[in-house]
N, C-alpha and C. Protein backbone atom coordinates (compact mmCIF):
# COMPACT_ATOMS: atom_id res chain seq x y z
N MET A 1 -11.03 176.90 105.31
CA MET A 1 -10.67 176.83 106.73
C MET A 1 -9.34 176.09 106.88
N SER A 2 -8.43 176.67 107.64
CA SER A 2 -7.13 176.06 107.88
C SER A 2 -7.13 175.35 109.24
N TYR A 3 -6.51 174.18 109.27
CA TYR A 3 -6.38 173.44 110.52
C TYR A 3 -5.00 173.65 111.15
N PHE A 4 -4.29 174.66 110.70
CA PHE A 4 -2.95 174.93 111.26
C PHE A 4 -3.07 175.32 112.73
N LYS A 5 -2.16 174.76 113.53
CA LYS A 5 -2.13 175.06 114.96
C LYS A 5 -0.89 175.90 115.26
N GLN A 6 -1.12 177.04 115.88
CA GLN A 6 -0.01 177.94 116.20
C GLN A 6 1.04 177.27 117.09
N ASP A 7 0.62 176.33 117.92
CA ASP A 7 1.56 175.66 118.82
C ASP A 7 2.58 174.79 118.07
N TRP A 8 2.32 174.52 116.80
CA TRP A 8 3.29 173.74 116.02
C TRP A 8 4.59 174.52 115.79
N ILE A 9 4.51 175.84 115.79
CA ILE A 9 5.71 176.63 115.52
C ILE A 9 6.76 176.43 116.61
N PRO A 10 6.45 176.64 117.89
CA PRO A 10 7.48 176.36 118.90
C PRO A 10 7.84 174.88 118.99
N LYS A 11 6.90 174.00 118.69
CA LYS A 11 7.16 172.56 118.78
C LYS A 11 8.21 172.12 117.76
N TYR A 12 8.08 172.60 116.51
CA TYR A 12 8.95 172.12 115.45
C TYR A 12 10.04 173.11 115.05
N LEU A 13 9.75 174.40 115.14
CA LEU A 13 10.76 175.39 114.76
C LEU A 13 11.70 175.70 115.92
N LYS A 14 11.13 175.68 117.12
CA LYS A 14 11.89 175.89 118.37
C LYS A 14 12.52 177.27 118.46
N LYS A 15 11.95 178.22 117.74
CA LYS A 15 12.38 179.61 117.85
C LYS A 15 11.29 180.49 117.27
N GLU A 16 11.38 181.79 117.52
CA GLU A 16 10.42 182.69 116.91
C GLU A 16 10.72 182.81 115.42
N PRO A 17 9.74 182.63 114.56
CA PRO A 17 10.00 182.69 113.12
C PRO A 17 10.39 184.09 112.66
N SER A 18 11.30 184.14 111.70
CA SER A 18 11.71 185.42 111.13
C SER A 18 10.86 185.80 109.93
N VAL A 19 10.53 184.80 109.08
CA VAL A 19 9.76 185.05 107.86
C VAL A 19 8.66 184.00 107.73
N ILE A 20 7.42 184.47 107.55
CA ILE A 20 6.27 183.61 107.33
C ILE A 20 5.60 184.05 106.03
N LEU A 21 5.36 183.11 105.12
CA LEU A 21 4.62 183.39 103.90
C LEU A 21 3.25 182.74 103.99
N ASP A 22 2.20 183.54 103.91
CA ASP A 22 0.83 183.04 103.94
C ASP A 22 0.28 183.14 102.51
N ILE A 23 0.22 182.01 101.82
CA ILE A 23 -0.08 181.98 100.39
C ILE A 23 -1.50 181.48 100.16
N GLY A 24 -2.31 182.31 99.49
CA GLY A 24 -3.73 182.03 99.35
C GLY A 24 -4.42 182.41 100.65
N SER A 25 -4.28 183.66 101.02
CA SER A 25 -4.61 184.09 102.39
C SER A 25 -6.09 184.33 102.62
N GLY A 26 -6.91 184.31 101.56
CA GLY A 26 -8.34 184.51 101.76
C GLY A 26 -8.65 185.86 102.36
N ASN A 27 -9.21 185.88 103.57
CA ASN A 27 -9.55 187.15 104.23
C ASN A 27 -8.41 187.71 105.07
N GLY A 28 -7.27 187.05 105.09
CA GLY A 28 -6.12 187.55 105.82
C GLY A 28 -6.08 187.17 107.29
N ALA A 29 -7.02 186.33 107.73
CA ALA A 29 -7.10 185.99 109.16
C ALA A 29 -5.85 185.26 109.65
N GLU A 30 -5.34 184.34 108.83
CA GLU A 30 -4.15 183.59 109.25
C GLU A 30 -2.94 184.53 109.37
N SER A 31 -2.77 185.41 108.40
CA SER A 31 -1.66 186.37 108.45
C SER A 31 -1.74 187.21 109.71
N LEU A 32 -2.93 187.67 110.02
CA LEU A 32 -3.12 188.49 111.22
C LEU A 32 -2.82 187.68 112.47
N GLY A 33 -3.23 186.41 112.48
CA GLY A 33 -2.94 185.55 113.63
C GLY A 33 -1.45 185.36 113.84
N PHE A 34 -0.71 185.16 112.73
CA PHE A 34 0.74 185.01 112.84
C PHE A 34 1.38 186.29 113.38
N LYS A 35 0.94 187.42 112.86
CA LYS A 35 1.55 188.69 113.26
C LYS A 35 1.22 189.05 114.70
N ASN A 36 0.02 188.72 115.13
CA ASN A 36 -0.36 189.00 116.52
C ASN A 36 0.49 188.21 117.50
N ARG A 37 0.83 186.97 117.12
CA ARG A 37 1.61 186.12 118.03
C ARG A 37 3.10 186.38 117.90
N TYR A 38 3.56 186.66 116.67
CA TYR A 38 4.99 186.87 116.44
C TYR A 38 5.21 188.25 115.83
N LYS A 39 5.18 189.24 116.70
CA LYS A 39 5.18 190.64 116.25
C LYS A 39 6.47 191.04 115.56
N ASN A 40 7.56 190.35 115.82
CA ASN A 40 8.84 190.71 115.19
C ASN A 40 9.09 189.96 113.88
N SER A 41 8.16 189.09 113.51
CA SER A 41 8.32 188.32 112.29
C SER A 41 7.88 189.14 111.07
N LYS A 42 8.52 188.85 109.94
CA LYS A 42 8.07 189.41 108.67
C LYS A 42 6.99 188.48 108.12
N VAL A 43 5.77 188.98 108.00
CA VAL A 43 4.66 188.19 107.48
C VAL A 43 4.26 188.75 106.11
N VAL A 44 4.31 187.88 105.10
CA VAL A 44 3.91 188.27 103.75
C VAL A 44 2.64 187.51 103.40
N CYS A 45 1.62 188.26 103.03
CA CYS A 45 0.29 187.73 102.76
C CYS A 45 0.04 187.81 101.25
N PHE A 46 -0.14 186.65 100.59
CA PHE A 46 -0.35 186.59 99.15
C PHE A 46 -1.81 186.25 98.85
N GLU A 47 -2.46 187.06 98.04
CA GLU A 47 -3.81 186.76 97.58
C GLU A 47 -3.95 187.16 96.12
N ALA A 48 -4.32 186.19 95.27
CA ALA A 48 -4.42 186.43 93.83
C ALA A 48 -5.70 187.15 93.44
N ASP A 49 -6.77 186.92 94.20
CA ASP A 49 -8.07 187.52 93.89
C ASP A 49 -8.01 189.03 94.13
N PRO A 50 -8.18 189.85 93.09
CA PRO A 50 -8.06 191.31 93.26
C PRO A 50 -9.06 191.88 94.26
N CYS A 51 -10.29 191.35 94.29
CA CYS A 51 -11.29 191.87 95.23
C CYS A 51 -10.92 191.53 96.67
N LEU A 52 -10.49 190.29 96.89
CA LEU A 52 -10.07 189.91 98.24
C LEU A 52 -8.85 190.69 98.68
N TYR A 53 -7.94 190.93 97.74
CA TYR A 53 -6.74 191.70 98.05
C TYR A 53 -7.10 193.08 98.61
N GLU A 54 -8.05 193.75 97.98
CA GLU A 54 -8.47 195.07 98.45
C GLU A 54 -9.11 194.98 99.84
N LYS A 55 -9.90 193.92 100.07
CA LYS A 55 -10.54 193.75 101.37
C LYS A 55 -9.50 193.47 102.46
N ILE A 56 -8.50 192.67 102.10
CA ILE A 56 -7.46 192.35 103.07
C ILE A 56 -6.72 193.61 103.51
N LYS A 57 -6.41 194.46 102.55
CA LYS A 57 -5.69 195.69 102.89
C LYS A 57 -6.48 196.54 103.88
N GLN A 58 -7.81 196.48 103.79
CA GLN A 58 -8.64 197.26 104.70
C GLN A 58 -8.79 196.57 106.05
N THR A 59 -9.08 195.25 106.03
CA THR A 59 -9.37 194.56 107.29
C THR A 59 -8.11 194.27 108.10
N VAL A 60 -7.03 193.91 107.43
CA VAL A 60 -5.79 193.62 108.14
C VAL A 60 -5.13 194.90 108.62
N ASN A 61 -5.39 196.00 107.91
CA ASN A 61 -4.77 197.29 108.26
C ASN A 61 -3.26 197.14 108.26
N THR A 62 -2.68 197.03 107.07
CA THR A 62 -1.27 196.68 106.94
C THR A 62 -0.32 197.65 107.63
N ARG A 63 -0.66 198.91 107.64
CA ARG A 63 0.23 199.88 108.27
C ARG A 63 0.30 199.66 109.78
N LYS A 64 -0.83 199.35 110.39
CA LYS A 64 -0.87 199.14 111.83
C LYS A 64 -0.14 197.87 112.23
N PHE A 65 -0.36 196.79 111.47
CA PHE A 65 0.20 195.49 111.84
C PHE A 65 1.49 195.14 111.10
N ASP A 66 1.87 195.97 110.14
CA ASP A 66 3.10 195.76 109.38
C ASP A 66 3.11 194.40 108.70
N ILE A 67 2.01 194.13 107.97
CA ILE A 67 1.90 192.91 107.17
C ILE A 67 2.03 193.31 105.71
N ASP A 68 2.89 192.60 105.00
CA ASP A 68 3.13 192.87 103.58
C ASP A 68 2.09 192.11 102.76
N VAL A 69 1.15 192.81 102.14
CA VAL A 69 0.07 192.17 101.38
C VAL A 69 0.38 192.29 99.90
N GLN A 70 0.42 191.14 99.21
CA GLN A 70 0.78 191.08 97.80
C GLN A 70 -0.38 190.51 96.97
N ASN A 71 -0.74 191.23 95.90
CA ASN A 71 -1.77 190.75 94.97
C ASN A 71 -1.08 189.89 93.90
N LEU A 72 -0.73 188.66 94.29
CA LEU A 72 0.02 187.76 93.42
C LEU A 72 -0.51 186.33 93.55
N ALA A 73 -0.54 185.62 92.42
CA ALA A 73 -0.73 184.18 92.45
C ALA A 73 0.65 183.54 92.51
N ILE A 74 0.84 182.59 93.39
CA ILE A 74 2.12 181.89 93.51
C ILE A 74 2.04 180.59 92.72
N CYS A 75 3.00 180.40 91.81
CA CYS A 75 3.00 179.16 91.02
C CYS A 75 4.42 178.83 90.57
N ASP A 76 4.58 178.26 89.38
CA ASP A 76 5.88 177.74 88.94
C ASP A 76 6.56 178.60 87.89
N PHE A 77 6.04 179.82 87.63
CA PHE A 77 6.70 180.73 86.70
C PHE A 77 6.33 182.16 87.06
N ASP A 78 7.01 183.10 86.44
CA ASP A 78 6.76 184.53 86.68
C ASP A 78 6.06 185.13 85.47
N GLY A 79 5.05 185.95 85.71
CA GLY A 79 4.37 186.60 84.59
C GLY A 79 2.90 186.81 84.88
N GLU A 80 2.04 186.34 83.98
CA GLU A 80 0.60 186.44 84.14
C GLU A 80 -0.03 185.05 84.01
N ILE A 81 -1.16 184.86 84.68
CA ILE A 81 -1.84 183.57 84.64
C ILE A 81 -3.34 183.79 84.78
N GLU A 82 -4.13 182.87 84.21
CA GLU A 82 -5.58 182.94 84.37
C GLU A 82 -5.96 182.56 85.81
N PHE A 83 -6.90 183.31 86.37
CA PHE A 83 -7.36 183.05 87.74
C PHE A 83 -8.88 182.99 87.75
N TYR A 84 -9.41 181.98 88.45
CA TYR A 84 -10.85 181.78 88.54
C TYR A 84 -11.31 182.15 89.95
N SER A 85 -11.91 183.31 90.08
CA SER A 85 -12.35 183.78 91.39
C SER A 85 -13.78 183.32 91.65
N VAL A 86 -14.14 183.23 92.92
CA VAL A 86 -15.51 182.85 93.28
C VAL A 86 -16.35 184.11 93.43
N ILE A 87 -17.65 183.95 93.19
CA ILE A 87 -18.56 185.10 93.26
C ILE A 87 -18.83 185.47 94.71
N ASN A 88 -19.04 184.47 95.56
CA ASN A 88 -19.29 184.72 96.98
C ASN A 88 -18.12 184.16 97.78
N HIS A 89 -17.29 185.04 98.33
CA HIS A 89 -16.07 184.60 98.99
C HIS A 89 -16.32 183.82 100.28
N THR A 90 -17.52 183.88 100.82
CA THR A 90 -17.81 183.12 102.04
C THR A 90 -18.08 181.65 101.72
N LYS A 91 -18.28 181.34 100.43
CA LYS A 91 -18.62 179.97 100.03
C LYS A 91 -17.41 179.16 99.55
N GLY A 92 -16.36 179.82 99.13
CA GLY A 92 -15.21 179.10 98.60
C GLY A 92 -14.09 180.04 98.23
N ALA A 93 -13.07 179.50 97.57
CA ALA A 93 -11.90 180.28 97.20
C ALA A 93 -11.54 180.03 95.75
N GLY A 94 -10.85 180.99 95.15
CA GLY A 94 -10.47 180.88 93.75
C GLY A 94 -9.22 180.06 93.54
N SER A 95 -8.89 179.85 92.25
CA SER A 95 -7.75 179.01 91.91
C SER A 95 -7.21 179.39 90.54
N ILE A 96 -5.94 179.08 90.31
CA ILE A 96 -5.38 179.23 88.96
C ILE A 96 -5.77 178.04 88.09
N HIS A 97 -6.43 177.04 88.67
CA HIS A 97 -6.92 175.89 87.92
C HIS A 97 -8.43 176.05 87.67
N ARG A 98 -8.84 175.73 86.46
CA ARG A 98 -10.26 175.84 86.11
C ARG A 98 -11.09 174.81 86.89
N PRO A 99 -12.20 175.25 87.52
CA PRO A 99 -13.07 174.29 88.20
C PRO A 99 -13.76 173.36 87.20
N THR A 100 -13.96 172.13 87.60
CA THR A 100 -14.55 171.13 86.71
C THR A 100 -16.06 171.03 86.91
N LYS A 101 -16.70 170.23 86.06
CA LYS A 101 -18.13 169.98 86.19
C LYS A 101 -18.42 169.23 87.49
N LYS A 102 -17.47 168.43 87.94
CA LYS A 102 -17.64 167.72 89.20
C LYS A 102 -17.76 168.69 90.36
N MET A 103 -16.99 169.77 90.33
CA MET A 103 -17.11 170.81 91.35
C MET A 103 -18.52 171.37 91.37
N ALA A 104 -19.05 171.67 90.18
CA ALA A 104 -20.40 172.24 90.09
C ALA A 104 -21.45 171.27 90.62
N ARG A 105 -21.26 169.97 90.37
CA ARG A 105 -22.23 168.98 90.84
C ARG A 105 -22.18 168.80 92.35
N HIS A 106 -20.96 168.72 92.89
CA HIS A 106 -20.80 168.43 94.32
C HIS A 106 -20.95 169.67 95.19
N HIS A 107 -20.64 170.83 94.62
CA HIS A 107 -20.72 172.09 95.40
C HIS A 107 -21.42 173.17 94.57
N PRO A 108 -22.72 173.01 94.34
CA PRO A 108 -23.45 174.00 93.55
C PRO A 108 -23.51 175.37 94.21
N GLU A 109 -23.22 175.42 95.51
CA GLU A 109 -23.23 176.71 96.21
C GLU A 109 -22.03 177.59 95.85
N ILE A 110 -20.99 176.97 95.25
CA ILE A 110 -19.79 177.73 94.88
C ILE A 110 -19.89 178.11 93.40
N LYS A 111 -20.01 179.38 93.14
CA LYS A 111 -20.12 179.90 91.78
C LYS A 111 -18.85 180.66 91.43
N PHE A 112 -18.34 180.44 90.22
CA PHE A 112 -17.10 181.07 89.78
C PHE A 112 -17.36 182.14 88.72
N ASN A 113 -16.55 183.18 88.76
CA ASN A 113 -16.54 184.18 87.71
C ASN A 113 -15.78 183.63 86.50
N GLU A 114 -15.92 184.33 85.37
CA GLU A 114 -15.05 184.02 84.23
C GLU A 114 -13.61 184.33 84.63
N SER A 115 -12.67 183.64 84.02
CA SER A 115 -11.27 183.83 84.40
C SER A 115 -10.78 185.22 84.04
N THR A 116 -9.85 185.71 84.83
CA THR A 116 -9.18 186.98 84.55
C THR A 116 -7.68 186.76 84.70
N LYS A 117 -6.90 187.59 84.06
CA LYS A 117 -5.45 187.48 84.17
C LYS A 117 -4.97 188.22 85.42
N VAL A 118 -4.09 187.55 86.17
CA VAL A 118 -3.48 188.16 87.35
C VAL A 118 -1.98 187.96 87.27
N GLN A 119 -1.25 188.76 88.01
CA GLN A 119 0.20 188.61 88.08
C GLN A 119 0.55 187.37 88.90
N CYS A 120 1.59 186.66 88.48
CA CYS A 120 2.02 185.47 89.21
C CYS A 120 3.53 185.48 89.40
N SER A 121 3.98 184.72 90.38
CA SER A 121 5.41 184.69 90.69
C SER A 121 5.79 183.36 91.32
N ARG A 122 7.02 182.95 91.07
CA ARG A 122 7.63 181.86 91.82
C ARG A 122 7.99 182.39 93.21
N ILE A 123 8.06 181.49 94.18
CA ILE A 123 8.46 181.89 95.52
C ILE A 123 9.91 182.34 95.55
N ASP A 124 10.80 181.60 94.88
CA ASP A 124 12.22 181.98 94.93
C ASP A 124 12.46 183.32 94.24
N THR A 125 11.71 183.62 93.17
CA THR A 125 11.85 184.91 92.50
C THR A 125 11.42 186.04 93.42
N PHE A 126 10.27 185.86 94.07
CA PHE A 126 9.78 186.89 94.98
C PHE A 126 10.77 187.13 96.10
N CYS A 127 11.30 186.07 96.68
CA CYS A 127 12.25 186.21 97.79
C CYS A 127 13.52 186.92 97.35
N LYS A 128 14.00 186.60 96.16
CA LYS A 128 15.21 187.25 95.67
C LYS A 128 14.99 188.74 95.49
N LYS A 129 13.84 189.12 94.92
CA LYS A 129 13.52 190.53 94.70
C LYS A 129 13.37 191.29 96.01
N ASN A 130 12.92 190.59 97.05
CA ASN A 130 12.63 191.25 98.32
C ASN A 130 13.67 190.93 99.40
N LEU A 131 14.82 190.43 98.97
CA LEU A 131 15.97 190.19 99.86
C LEU A 131 15.61 189.26 101.02
N ILE A 132 14.81 188.24 100.73
CA ILE A 132 14.48 187.21 101.72
C ILE A 132 15.37 186.00 101.46
N ASN A 133 16.24 185.70 102.39
CA ASN A 133 17.19 184.60 102.20
C ASN A 133 16.72 183.29 102.78
N GLU A 134 15.89 183.34 103.81
CA GLU A 134 15.40 182.13 104.47
C GLU A 134 13.93 182.29 104.79
N ILE A 135 13.20 181.18 104.77
CA ILE A 135 11.78 181.16 105.13
C ILE A 135 11.60 180.15 106.26
N ASP A 136 10.94 180.57 107.32
CA ASP A 136 10.68 179.66 108.43
C ASP A 136 9.41 178.85 108.21
N LEU A 137 8.37 179.50 107.69
CA LEU A 137 7.09 178.82 107.52
C LEU A 137 6.39 179.30 106.26
N ILE A 138 5.89 178.33 105.48
CA ILE A 138 4.95 178.62 104.40
C ILE A 138 3.61 178.02 104.79
N HIS A 139 2.59 178.85 104.85
CA HIS A 139 1.22 178.41 105.08
C HIS A 139 0.49 178.59 103.75
N MET A 140 0.02 177.49 103.17
CA MET A 140 -0.44 177.53 101.79
C MET A 140 -1.82 176.87 101.64
N ASP A 141 -2.75 177.60 100.99
CA ASP A 141 -4.06 177.05 100.69
C ASP A 141 -4.50 177.64 99.35
N ILE A 142 -4.14 176.97 98.26
CA ILE A 142 -4.36 177.56 96.93
C ILE A 142 -5.12 176.62 95.99
N GLN A 143 -6.01 175.85 96.56
CA GLN A 143 -7.03 175.14 95.79
C GLN A 143 -6.46 174.29 94.66
N SER A 144 -5.70 173.30 94.98
CA SER A 144 -5.17 172.27 94.08
C SER A 144 -3.90 172.68 93.34
N ALA A 145 -3.38 173.89 93.59
CA ALA A 145 -2.19 174.37 92.87
C ALA A 145 -0.93 174.30 93.73
N GLU A 146 -0.97 173.58 94.84
CA GLU A 146 0.17 173.53 95.76
C GLU A 146 1.42 172.95 95.12
N TYR A 147 1.25 171.95 94.28
CA TYR A 147 2.41 171.33 93.64
C TYR A 147 3.17 172.35 92.79
N ARG A 148 2.46 173.18 92.07
CA ARG A 148 3.11 174.19 91.23
C ARG A 148 3.83 175.23 92.09
N ALA A 149 3.28 175.55 93.23
CA ALA A 149 3.96 176.48 94.13
C ALA A 149 5.25 175.88 94.66
N LEU A 150 5.25 174.57 94.93
CA LEU A 150 6.45 173.91 95.43
C LEU A 150 7.56 173.91 94.38
N ILE A 151 7.20 173.77 93.12
CA ILE A 151 8.20 173.88 92.05
C ILE A 151 8.86 175.25 92.11
N GLY A 152 8.06 176.27 92.36
CA GLY A 152 8.57 177.64 92.42
C GLY A 152 9.41 177.95 93.63
N VAL A 153 9.49 177.02 94.59
CA VAL A 153 10.39 177.21 95.74
C VAL A 153 11.84 177.14 95.29
N GLY A 154 12.09 176.39 94.20
CA GLY A 154 13.45 176.26 93.69
C GLY A 154 14.38 175.60 94.69
N ASP A 155 15.53 176.22 94.92
CA ASP A 155 16.52 175.65 95.85
C ASP A 155 16.30 176.09 97.30
N MET A 156 15.34 176.98 97.54
CA MET A 156 15.07 177.40 98.90
C MET A 156 14.42 176.25 99.67
N ARG A 157 14.65 176.20 100.96
CA ARG A 157 14.07 175.14 101.78
C ARG A 157 13.48 175.74 103.06
N PRO A 158 12.21 176.15 102.99
CA PRO A 158 11.53 176.60 104.22
C PRO A 158 11.57 175.51 105.28
N LYS A 159 11.63 175.90 106.52
CA LYS A 159 11.75 174.91 107.59
C LYS A 159 10.44 174.16 107.83
N MET A 160 9.31 174.83 107.59
CA MET A 160 8.00 174.23 107.77
C MET A 160 7.11 174.58 106.57
N ILE A 161 6.38 173.61 106.06
CA ILE A 161 5.42 173.86 104.98
C ILE A 161 4.09 173.22 105.36
N PHE A 162 3.06 174.05 105.43
CA PHE A 162 1.72 173.58 105.74
C PHE A 162 0.85 173.80 104.51
N LEU A 163 0.12 172.78 104.09
CA LEU A 163 -0.65 172.91 102.86
C LEU A 163 -1.84 171.96 102.84
N GLU A 164 -2.75 172.29 101.95
CA GLU A 164 -3.94 171.47 101.74
C GLU A 164 -3.67 170.52 100.57
N VAL A 165 -3.95 169.24 100.76
CA VAL A 165 -3.70 168.27 99.68
C VAL A 165 -4.95 167.55 99.22
N SER A 166 -6.03 167.64 99.97
CA SER A 166 -7.22 166.82 99.68
C SER A 166 -7.82 167.14 98.31
N LEU A 167 -7.78 168.39 97.89
CA LEU A 167 -8.43 168.75 96.63
C LEU A 167 -7.71 168.16 95.42
N GLU A 168 -6.47 167.78 95.58
CA GLU A 168 -5.73 167.21 94.46
C GLU A 168 -6.34 165.88 94.00
N PHE A 169 -7.04 165.22 94.90
CA PHE A 169 -7.56 163.88 94.61
C PHE A 169 -9.07 163.87 94.33
N LYS A 170 -9.74 165.02 94.47
CA LYS A 170 -11.18 165.04 94.33
C LYS A 170 -11.67 165.36 92.93
N GLY A 171 -10.77 165.84 92.07
CA GLY A 171 -11.17 166.13 90.71
C GLY A 171 -12.03 167.37 90.56
N TYR A 172 -11.91 168.30 91.50
CA TYR A 172 -12.71 169.52 91.43
C TYR A 172 -12.09 170.58 90.53
N TYR A 173 -10.81 170.42 90.21
CA TYR A 173 -10.10 171.39 89.37
C TYR A 173 -9.32 170.66 88.29
N GLU A 174 -9.21 171.30 87.14
CA GLU A 174 -8.40 170.74 86.06
C GLU A 174 -6.92 170.83 86.41
N ASN A 175 -6.14 169.92 85.85
CA ASN A 175 -4.67 169.94 85.99
C ASN A 175 -4.18 169.78 87.42
N SER A 176 -5.01 169.20 88.28
CA SER A 176 -4.55 168.96 89.66
C SER A 176 -3.46 167.89 89.65
N GLU A 177 -2.37 168.17 90.31
CA GLU A 177 -1.24 167.26 90.38
C GLU A 177 -1.33 166.44 91.66
N LYS A 178 -1.22 165.13 91.55
CA LYS A 178 -1.40 164.25 92.70
C LYS A 178 -0.08 163.81 93.33
N ARG A 179 1.02 164.49 93.00
CA ARG A 179 2.32 164.06 93.50
C ARG A 179 2.92 165.05 94.51
N THR A 180 2.08 165.82 95.17
CA THR A 180 2.60 166.82 96.12
C THR A 180 3.40 166.17 97.24
N SER A 181 2.89 165.11 97.83
CA SER A 181 3.61 164.43 98.91
C SER A 181 4.94 163.87 98.40
N GLU A 182 4.92 163.32 97.20
CA GLU A 182 6.14 162.80 96.60
C GLU A 182 7.16 163.92 96.38
N LYS A 183 6.66 165.06 95.92
CA LYS A 183 7.54 166.21 95.69
C LYS A 183 8.17 166.69 97.00
N LEU A 184 7.38 166.79 98.05
CA LEU A 184 7.91 167.23 99.34
C LEU A 184 8.95 166.26 99.88
N THR A 185 8.72 164.98 99.70
CA THR A 185 9.70 163.98 100.13
C THR A 185 11.00 164.14 99.37
N GLU A 186 10.91 164.35 98.06
CA GLU A 186 12.10 164.57 97.23
C GLU A 186 12.87 165.81 97.68
N MET A 187 12.14 166.81 98.17
CA MET A 187 12.76 168.06 98.61
C MET A 187 13.40 167.94 99.98
N GLY A 188 13.19 166.82 100.67
CA GLY A 188 13.83 166.61 101.97
C GLY A 188 12.93 166.86 103.16
N TYR A 189 11.61 166.70 102.99
CA TYR A 189 10.67 166.96 104.07
C TYR A 189 10.06 165.67 104.61
N LEU A 190 9.66 165.72 105.88
CA LEU A 190 8.96 164.63 106.54
C LEU A 190 7.57 165.10 106.96
N LEU A 191 6.57 164.24 106.78
CA LEU A 191 5.22 164.56 107.22
C LEU A 191 5.16 164.50 108.75
N ALA A 192 4.82 165.62 109.37
CA ALA A 192 4.80 165.69 110.83
C ALA A 192 3.40 165.68 111.41
N GLU A 193 2.45 166.32 110.73
CA GLU A 193 1.08 166.39 111.24
C GLU A 193 0.11 166.29 110.06
N LYS A 194 -1.05 165.68 110.31
CA LYS A 194 -2.08 165.58 109.29
C LYS A 194 -3.44 165.71 109.95
N ILE A 195 -4.22 166.69 109.52
CA ILE A 195 -5.57 166.89 110.02
C ILE A 195 -6.50 167.00 108.82
N LYS A 196 -7.33 165.98 108.65
CA LYS A 196 -8.23 165.92 107.50
C LYS A 196 -7.40 166.07 106.23
N GLY A 197 -7.67 167.09 105.41
CA GLY A 197 -6.93 167.23 104.16
C GLY A 197 -5.72 168.14 104.25
N ASP A 198 -5.36 168.59 105.46
CA ASP A 198 -4.23 169.49 105.64
C ASP A 198 -3.04 168.75 106.21
N GLU A 199 -1.84 169.14 105.78
CA GLU A 199 -0.62 168.47 106.22
C GLU A 199 0.47 169.47 106.58
N LEU A 200 1.25 169.15 107.60
CA LEU A 200 2.42 169.92 107.99
C LEU A 200 3.65 169.08 107.70
N TRP A 201 4.57 169.64 106.91
CA TRP A 201 5.83 168.98 106.56
C TRP A 201 6.99 169.75 107.15
N ILE A 202 7.94 169.01 107.69
CA ILE A 202 9.10 169.59 108.37
C ILE A 202 10.38 169.20 107.61
N LEU A 203 11.26 170.17 107.41
CA LEU A 203 12.53 169.91 106.75
C LEU A 203 13.41 169.04 107.63
N LYS A 204 13.92 167.95 107.07
CA LYS A 204 14.80 167.06 107.84
C LYS A 204 16.11 167.77 108.15
N ASN A 205 16.66 167.48 109.31
CA ASN A 205 17.93 168.07 109.73
C ASN A 205 19.09 167.49 108.89
């Protein structure tokens, strides 16, 4: 569940967004919400889970809403990566990080499949291939892998970045990086909003 508020876009961006990247889109509801409100925006919906990707293409109806749906994991390199999908998508979400025994103890309702290889990409690589020069908003929920996605931003500087940080500190996934806030600060961002484990960061002028 995302705590992103649509009213933050006019508050902080002060214009209609041109490009929105929804990374780790789950069922595609956030992408659809962005497109419904900002019909002239380019919305790119990224989902690494192959099964969810197929469902998104059907439920979002990409041709009708003109949403670009990509079956890609976003991280810090281009190529292939192991992905751990959940068996019941209503109970949780997958990750490029292996779930730990602590996850199994604290959330026995979330069951994971064996890992499978999926295609992965850096954000800056994807944007270069698709002629995207600027990003207004990144909405990101990728289960403890946010830091790796930020590395893949490279020299690009989206105006707004919304992401989940709470899982980095809970030990539910292996290789969780706890320096996401530090990384965003180094990149020139200020924390503007925080709701539970979700944070909105704004690029400093």
